[in-house]
């Protein structure tokens, strides 16, 4: 069994190690509580997640491209229809 200053330093080192461990545990609990509250607040605000936003954005881009293609196709069909209806034979 050690005595004197070495024993005091050993006890102090053990106390500091225990305090650091306790501080880490408190930090983890605070982070968990904060995340939970932040998530609850965001859910109540009806905020979309980034993945959902990106998926809808891609759908909109695709729909816009399809609309352009369909518009061009309609214009071509209307031009053909106009050409055949003005044709005296048709």
Protein backbone atom coordinates (compact mmCIF):
# COMPACT_ATOMS: atom_id res chain seq x y z
CA UNK A 1 0.00 0.00 0.00
CA UNK A 2 1.40 3.37 -1.02
CA UNK A 3 1.44 6.29 1.35
CA UNK A 4 2.25 9.93 1.22
CA UNK A 5 2.31 12.10 -1.91
CA UNK A 6 2.12 9.15 -4.31
CA UNK A 7 -1.15 7.98 -2.77
CA UNK A 8 -2.61 11.49 -3.03
CA UNK A 9 -1.56 11.76 -6.70
CA UNK A 10 -3.01 8.33 -7.46
CA UNK A 11 -6.31 9.28 -5.82
CA UNK A 12 -6.35 12.59 -7.67
CA UNK A 13 -5.68 10.87 -11.00
CA UNK A 14 -8.47 8.37 -10.33
CA UNK A 15 -10.83 11.21 -9.39
CA UNK A 16 -10.01 13.07 -12.62
CA UNK A 17 -10.52 9.90 -14.70
CA UNK A 18 -13.89 9.30 -13.05
CA UNK A 19 -14.88 12.95 -13.56
CA UNK A 20 -13.94 12.78 -17.26
CA UNK A 21 -16.02 9.64 -17.70
CA UNK A 22 -18.98 11.23 -15.95
CA UNK A 23 -18.63 14.36 -18.11
CA UNK A 24 -18.67 12.21 -21.26
CA UNK A 25 -21.82 10.47 -20.11
CA UNK A 26 -23.52 13.79 -19.40
CA UNK A 27 -22.41 15.09 -22.82
CA UNK A 28 -23.93 12.05 -24.56
CA UNK A 29 -27.21 12.48 -22.71
CA UNK A 30 -27.37 16.19 -23.53
CA UNK A 31 -26.67 15.48 -27.22
CA UNK A 32 -29.38 12.81 -27.29
CA UNK A 33 -31.89 15.12 -25.63
CA UNK A 34 -31.00 17.97 -27.98
CA UNK A 35 -31.34 15.78 -31.07
CA UNK A 36 -34.67 14.49 -29.85
CA UNK A 37 -36.01 18.01 -29.24
CA UNK A 38 -34.64 19.30 -32.56
CA UNK A 39 -36.20 16.39 -34.44
CA UNK A 40 -39.53 16.93 -32.67
CA UNK A 41 -39.44 20.65 -33.52
CA UNK A 42 -38.57 20.01 -37.19
CA UNK A 43 -41.35 17.42 -37.47
CA UNK A 44 -43.87 19.88 -36.04
CA UNK A 45 -42.71 22.51 -38.57
CA UNK A 46 -43.47 20.10 -41.43
CA UNK A 47 -39.98 20.47 -42.93
CA UNK A 48 -39.05 18.05 -45.71
CA UNK A 49 -35.91 15.99 -45.57
CA UNK A 50 -33.17 16.61 -48.11
CA UNK A 51 -33.64 13.20 -49.76
CA UNK A 52 -37.35 13.85 -50.30
CA UNK A 53 -36.63 17.30 -51.72
CA UNK A 54 -34.06 15.93 -54.15
CA UNK A 55 -36.45 13.16 -55.28
CA UNK A 56 -39.25 15.64 -55.99
CA UNK A 57 -36.78 17.96 -57.72
CA UNK A 58 -35.67 15.15 -60.05
CA UNK A 59 -39.31 14.31 -60.78
CA UNK A 60 -40.00 17.96 -61.67
CA UNK A 61 -36.98 18.11 -63.99
CA UNK A 62 -38.11 14.93 -65.74
CA UNK A 63 -41.70 16.20 -66.03
CA UNK A 64 -40.48 19.49 -67.48
CA UNK A 65 -38.44 17.64 -70.14
CA UNK A 66 -41.43 15.42 -70.99
CA UNK A 67 -43.66 18.51 -71.30
CA UNK A 68 -41.20 20.10 -73.73
CA UNK A 69 -41.11 16.93 -75.84
CA UNK A 70 -44.90 16.66 -75.84
CA UNK A 71 -45.27 20.33 -76.79
CA UNK A 72 -42.93 19.83 -79.73
CA UNK A 73 -44.86 16.73 -80.77
CA UNK A 74 -48.21 18.57 -80.57
CA UNK A 75 -46.83 21.44 -82.64
CA UNK A 76 -45.62 18.98 -85.28
CA UNK A 77 -48.98 17.18 -85.35
CA UNK A 78 -50.87 20.49 -85.57
CA UNK A 79 -48.62 21.56 -88.45
CA UNK A 80 -49.30 18.26 -90.25
CA UNK A 81 -53.01 18.61 -89.60
CA UNK A 82 -53.02 22.17 -90.88
CA UNK A 83 -51.11 21.13 -93.98
CA UNK A 84 -53.51 18.26 -94.76
CA UNK A 85 -56.66 20.29 -94.08
CA UNK A 86 -55.50 23.05 -96.43
CA UNK A 87 -54.74 20.42 -99.08
CA UNK A 88 -57.67 20.52 -101.55
CA UNK A 89 -57.40 16.78 -102.21
CA UNK A 90 -57.64 15.73 -98.56
